Amino acid sequence: MFANADPGTPEAALMIRNNPKDAQIPALVKKGYIIRTRADHDTKQARKNDYSDFEAACKSGAQIITTDYYQKSTHFTSTYAISFPGGKYFRRNPLF
């Protein structure tokens, strides 16, 4: 549906920034780009109950935050599960 293109190119609309702490994300969002980042990867955050990447993703303003853990894992002991307050999977963008 969208190409992952460089900012400023005619086909640019959606950008993938895997690092939720990427300082460029808020500026790209404010320019009108749709940004996808992630809350976790390779089970590292889930195994450690580390929400720091999810918190960074939330603050970044990225419109799409992906996770493998919208529910707790059944493969290892962890309470790690990603959702917004109230167990929701959507929210208002904090940048606007």
N, C-alpha and C. Protein backbone atom coordinates (compact mmCIF):
# COMPACT_ATOMS: atom_id res chain seq x y z
N MET A 1 0.81 -1.18 0.00
CA MET A 1 0.00 0.00 0.00
C MET A 1 0.87 1.26 0.00
N PHE A 2 1.92 1.27 0.81
CA PHE A 2 2.84 2.41 0.86
C PHE A 2 4.26 1.91 0.67
N ALA A 3 5.08 2.73 0.04
CA ALA A 3 6.50 2.42 -0.09
C ALA A 3 7.23 3.06 1.08
N ASN A 4 8.25 2.40 1.58
CA ASN A 4 9.10 2.99 2.62
C ASN A 4 10.16 3.80 1.89
N ALA A 5 9.91 5.07 1.71
CA ALA A 5 10.77 5.93 0.89
C ALA A 5 11.48 6.98 1.74
N ASP A 6 12.47 7.61 1.15
CA ASP A 6 13.21 8.66 1.84
C ASP A 6 12.36 9.92 1.97
N PRO A 7 12.49 10.65 3.09
CA PRO A 7 11.74 11.90 3.26
C PRO A 7 11.99 12.85 2.09
N GLY A 8 10.94 13.51 1.66
CA GLY A 8 11.05 14.49 0.59
C GLY A 8 10.88 13.94 -0.81
N THR A 9 10.86 12.63 -0.96
CA THR A 9 10.65 12.06 -2.28
C THR A 9 9.15 11.99 -2.55
N PRO A 10 8.75 12.04 -3.82
CA PRO A 10 7.32 12.08 -4.15
C PRO A 10 6.51 10.90 -3.61
N GLU A 11 7.14 9.73 -3.49
CA GLU A 11 6.41 8.55 -3.04
C GLU A 11 6.40 8.39 -1.52
N ALA A 12 7.06 9.29 -0.81
CA ALA A 12 7.16 9.18 0.65
C ALA A 12 5.83 9.51 1.32
N ALA A 13 5.35 8.61 2.12
CA ALA A 13 4.16 8.82 2.94
C ALA A 13 4.32 8.10 4.27
N LEU A 14 4.81 6.87 4.20
CA LEU A 14 5.02 6.02 5.37
C LEU A 14 6.51 5.78 5.55
N MET A 15 6.95 5.90 6.79
CA MET A 15 8.36 5.64 7.07
C MET A 15 8.47 4.67 8.22
N ILE A 16 9.39 3.74 8.10
CA ILE A 16 9.63 2.76 9.14
C ILE A 16 10.87 3.17 9.90
N ARG A 17 10.69 3.39 11.17
CA ARG A 17 11.79 3.73 12.07
C ARG A 17 11.76 2.70 13.19
N ASN A 18 12.55 1.66 13.08
CA ASN A 18 12.52 0.57 14.05
C ASN A 18 12.95 0.99 15.45
N ASN A 19 13.80 1.98 15.53
CA ASN A 19 14.25 2.47 16.83
C ASN A 19 13.27 3.53 17.34
N PRO A 20 12.48 3.23 18.36
CA PRO A 20 11.51 4.20 18.84
C PRO A 20 12.15 5.43 19.48
N LYS A 21 13.45 5.36 19.75
CA LYS A 21 14.16 6.50 20.34
C LYS A 21 14.80 7.38 19.26
N ASP A 22 14.51 7.11 17.99
CA ASP A 22 15.02 7.89 16.87
C ASP A 22 14.51 9.33 17.01
N ALA A 23 15.42 10.26 17.18
CA ALA A 23 15.07 11.67 17.41
C ALA A 23 14.36 12.31 16.22
N GLN A 24 14.40 11.70 15.04
CA GLN A 24 13.75 12.26 13.85
C GLN A 24 12.24 12.00 13.83
N ILE A 25 11.77 11.05 14.60
CA ILE A 25 10.36 10.66 14.51
C ILE A 25 9.41 11.82 14.74
N PRO A 26 9.52 12.59 15.84
CA PRO A 26 8.55 13.69 16.04
C PRO A 26 8.51 14.70 14.89
N ALA A 27 9.67 15.04 14.36
CA ALA A 27 9.72 16.01 13.25
C ALA A 27 9.06 15.44 12.00
N LEU A 28 9.28 14.17 11.72
CA LEU A 28 8.66 13.55 10.55
C LEU A 28 7.14 13.49 10.71
N VAL A 29 6.67 13.18 11.92
CA VAL A 29 5.23 13.15 12.17
C VAL A 29 4.63 14.54 11.95
N LYS A 30 5.30 15.56 12.47
CA LYS A 30 4.79 16.93 12.32
C LYS A 30 4.80 17.39 10.87
N LYS A 31 5.64 16.79 10.02
CA LYS A 31 5.65 17.12 8.59
C LYS A 31 4.56 16.37 7.83
N GLY A 32 3.86 15.45 8.52
CA GLY A 32 2.75 14.75 7.88
C GLY A 32 3.02 13.32 7.47
N TYR A 33 4.20 12.80 7.79
CA TYR A 33 4.51 11.41 7.45
C TYR A 33 3.85 10.46 8.45
N ILE A 34 3.48 9.29 7.99
CA ILE A 34 3.00 8.23 8.85
C ILE A 34 4.24 7.42 9.26
N ILE A 35 4.43 7.27 10.56
CA ILE A 35 5.61 6.58 11.06
C ILE A 35 5.22 5.31 11.78
N ARG A 36 5.92 4.23 11.43
CA ARG A 36 5.77 2.95 12.14
C ARG A 36 7.05 2.71 12.91
N THR A 37 6.91 2.47 14.22
CA THR A 37 8.04 2.06 15.04
C THR A 37 7.61 0.86 15.85
N ARG A 38 8.47 0.38 16.71
CA ARG A 38 8.09 -0.82 17.45
C ARG A 38 8.36 -0.67 18.94
N ALA A 39 7.58 -1.41 19.71
CA ALA A 39 7.68 -1.38 21.17
C ALA A 39 8.68 -2.40 21.68
N ASP A 40 8.96 -3.40 20.87
CA ASP A 40 9.83 -4.49 21.31
C ASP A 40 10.35 -5.25 20.10
N HIS A 41 11.39 -6.03 20.33
CA HIS A 41 11.91 -6.90 19.28
C HIS A 41 12.70 -8.05 19.89
N ASP A 42 12.68 -9.17 19.21
CA ASP A 42 13.45 -10.36 19.60
C ASP A 42 13.19 -10.83 21.03
N THR A 43 12.06 -10.60 21.57
CA THR A 43 11.60 -10.98 22.92
C THR A 43 12.40 -10.35 24.06
N LYS A 44 13.37 -9.47 23.74
CA LYS A 44 14.23 -8.89 24.78
C LYS A 44 13.43 -8.10 25.81
N GLN A 45 12.60 -7.18 25.36
CA GLN A 45 11.84 -6.36 26.29
C GLN A 45 10.84 -7.19 27.08
N ALA A 46 10.20 -8.12 26.42
CA ALA A 46 9.20 -8.95 27.10
C ALA A 46 9.83 -9.81 28.18
N ARG A 47 10.96 -10.37 27.92
CA ARG A 47 11.62 -11.22 28.91
C ARG A 47 12.09 -10.44 30.13
N LYS A 48 12.38 -9.15 29.95
CA LYS A 48 12.87 -8.31 31.05
C LYS A 48 11.78 -7.41 31.63
N ASN A 49 10.55 -7.49 31.10
CA ASN A 49 9.48 -6.56 31.50
C ASN A 49 9.94 -5.11 31.35
N ASP A 50 10.61 -4.83 30.25
CA ASP A 50 11.18 -3.52 29.98
C ASP A 50 10.27 -2.74 29.03
N TYR A 51 9.63 -1.73 29.55
CA TYR A 51 8.69 -0.92 28.77
C TYR A 51 9.32 0.35 28.21
N SER A 52 10.63 0.52 28.35
CA SER A 52 11.26 1.78 27.94
C SER A 52 11.12 2.07 26.44
N ASP A 53 11.21 1.06 25.59
CA ASP A 53 11.02 1.31 24.16
C ASP A 53 9.57 1.65 23.84
N PHE A 54 8.62 1.00 24.50
CA PHE A 54 7.22 1.33 24.30
C PHE A 54 6.95 2.76 24.75
N GLU A 55 7.48 3.15 25.89
CA GLU A 55 7.30 4.52 26.38
C GLU A 55 7.91 5.53 25.41
N ALA A 56 9.08 5.22 24.87
CA ALA A 56 9.71 6.11 23.88
C ALA A 56 8.86 6.19 22.62
N ALA A 57 8.33 5.05 22.19
CA ALA A 57 7.47 5.03 21.00
C ALA A 57 6.23 5.89 21.22
N CYS A 58 5.65 5.80 22.40
CA CYS A 58 4.46 6.61 22.72
C CYS A 58 4.78 8.10 22.66
N LYS A 59 5.89 8.48 23.25
CA LYS A 59 6.29 9.90 23.28
C LYS A 59 6.68 10.42 21.91
N SER A 60 7.16 9.53 21.04
CA SER A 60 7.66 9.95 19.73
C SER A 60 6.57 10.52 18.82
N GLY A 61 5.33 10.08 19.03
CA GLY A 61 4.24 10.51 18.16
C GLY A 61 4.02 9.59 16.98
N ALA A 62 4.81 8.52 16.87
CA ALA A 62 4.61 7.56 15.78
C ALA A 62 3.16 7.08 15.80
N GLN A 63 2.55 7.04 14.63
CA GLN A 63 1.15 6.65 14.56
C GLN A 63 0.94 5.15 14.68
N ILE A 64 1.93 4.36 14.31
CA ILE A 64 1.82 2.91 14.36
C ILE A 64 2.95 2.37 15.23
N ILE A 65 2.58 1.68 16.30
CA ILE A 65 3.55 1.06 17.20
C ILE A 65 3.27 -0.43 17.17
N THR A 66 4.22 -1.20 16.66
CA THR A 66 4.00 -2.64 16.56
C THR A 66 4.58 -3.36 17.78
N THR A 67 3.98 -4.51 18.08
CA THR A 67 4.43 -5.36 19.17
C THR A 67 4.05 -6.80 18.87
N ASP A 68 4.79 -7.72 19.44
CA ASP A 68 4.41 -9.12 19.40
C ASP A 68 3.65 -9.50 20.66
N TYR A 69 3.49 -8.53 21.56
CA TYR A 69 2.94 -8.82 22.88
C TYR A 69 1.74 -7.95 23.24
N TYR A 70 0.70 -8.04 22.46
CA TYR A 70 -0.55 -7.38 22.86
C TYR A 70 -1.22 -8.19 23.97
N GLN A 71 -0.75 -9.43 24.15
CA GLN A 71 -1.12 -10.26 25.29
C GLN A 71 0.17 -10.82 25.88
N LYS A 72 0.12 -11.24 27.14
CA LYS A 72 1.31 -11.81 27.77
C LYS A 72 1.75 -13.09 27.06
N SER A 73 3.04 -13.32 27.08
CA SER A 73 3.59 -14.54 26.48
C SER A 73 3.22 -15.77 27.30
N THR A 74 3.00 -16.86 26.63
CA THR A 74 2.78 -18.13 27.31
C THR A 74 4.03 -19.00 27.23
N HIS A 75 5.11 -18.46 26.66
CA HIS A 75 6.34 -19.23 26.48
C HIS A 75 7.38 -18.98 27.57
N PHE A 76 7.22 -17.89 28.31
CA PHE A 76 8.13 -17.59 29.42
C PHE A 76 7.39 -16.73 30.43
N THR A 77 7.92 -16.68 31.65
CA THR A 77 7.27 -15.92 32.72
C THR A 77 7.53 -14.44 32.53
N SER A 78 6.48 -13.69 32.34
CA SER A 78 6.58 -12.25 32.14
C SER A 78 5.18 -11.66 32.19
N THR A 79 5.08 -10.45 32.69
CA THR A 79 3.79 -9.75 32.67
C THR A 79 3.73 -8.75 31.53
N TYR A 80 4.77 -8.72 30.70
CA TYR A 80 4.88 -7.75 29.62
C TYR A 80 3.75 -7.92 28.61
N ALA A 81 2.97 -6.87 28.46
CA ALA A 81 1.91 -6.82 27.45
C ALA A 81 1.72 -5.35 27.09
N ILE A 82 1.54 -5.07 25.82
CA ILE A 82 1.47 -3.69 25.34
C ILE A 82 0.05 -3.28 25.02
N SER A 83 -0.36 -2.17 25.62
CA SER A 83 -1.62 -1.50 25.28
C SER A 83 -1.55 -0.11 25.88
N PHE A 84 -2.45 0.73 25.45
CA PHE A 84 -2.54 2.07 26.01
C PHE A 84 -3.43 2.02 27.26
N PRO A 85 -3.48 3.11 28.03
CA PRO A 85 -4.32 3.09 29.23
C PRO A 85 -5.73 2.58 28.96
N GLY A 86 -6.23 1.81 29.91
CA GLY A 86 -7.55 1.23 29.77
C GLY A 86 -7.58 0.00 28.89
N GLY A 87 -6.40 -0.54 28.54
CA GLY A 87 -6.34 -1.71 27.68
C GLY A 87 -6.67 -1.43 26.23
N LYS A 88 -6.60 -0.16 25.83
CA LYS A 88 -6.95 0.21 24.46
C LYS A 88 -5.75 0.07 23.53
N TYR A 89 -6.06 -0.03 22.23
CA TYR A 89 -5.03 -0.15 21.21
C TYR A 89 -5.00 1.06 20.30
N PHE A 90 -5.60 2.13 20.74
CA PHE A 90 -5.57 3.39 20.01
C PHE A 90 -5.58 4.52 21.02
N ARG A 91 -5.17 5.71 20.58
CA ARG A 91 -5.15 6.88 21.46
C ARG A 91 -4.95 8.13 20.63
N ARG A 92 -5.09 9.26 21.26
CA ARG A 92 -4.80 10.53 20.58
C ARG A 92 -3.29 10.68 20.46
N ASN A 93 -2.85 11.28 19.38
CA ASN A 93 -1.43 11.50 19.18
C ASN A 93 -0.95 12.59 20.15
N PRO A 94 0.10 12.34 20.93
CA PRO A 94 0.55 13.33 21.91
C PRO A 94 1.19 14.57 21.28
N LEU A 95 1.51 14.54 20.02
CA LEU A 95 2.13 15.69 19.37
C LEU A 95 1.11 16.72 18.88
N PHE A 96 -0.17 16.35 18.87
CA PHE A 96 -1.17 17.27 18.33
C PHE A 96 -2.26 17.53 19.35
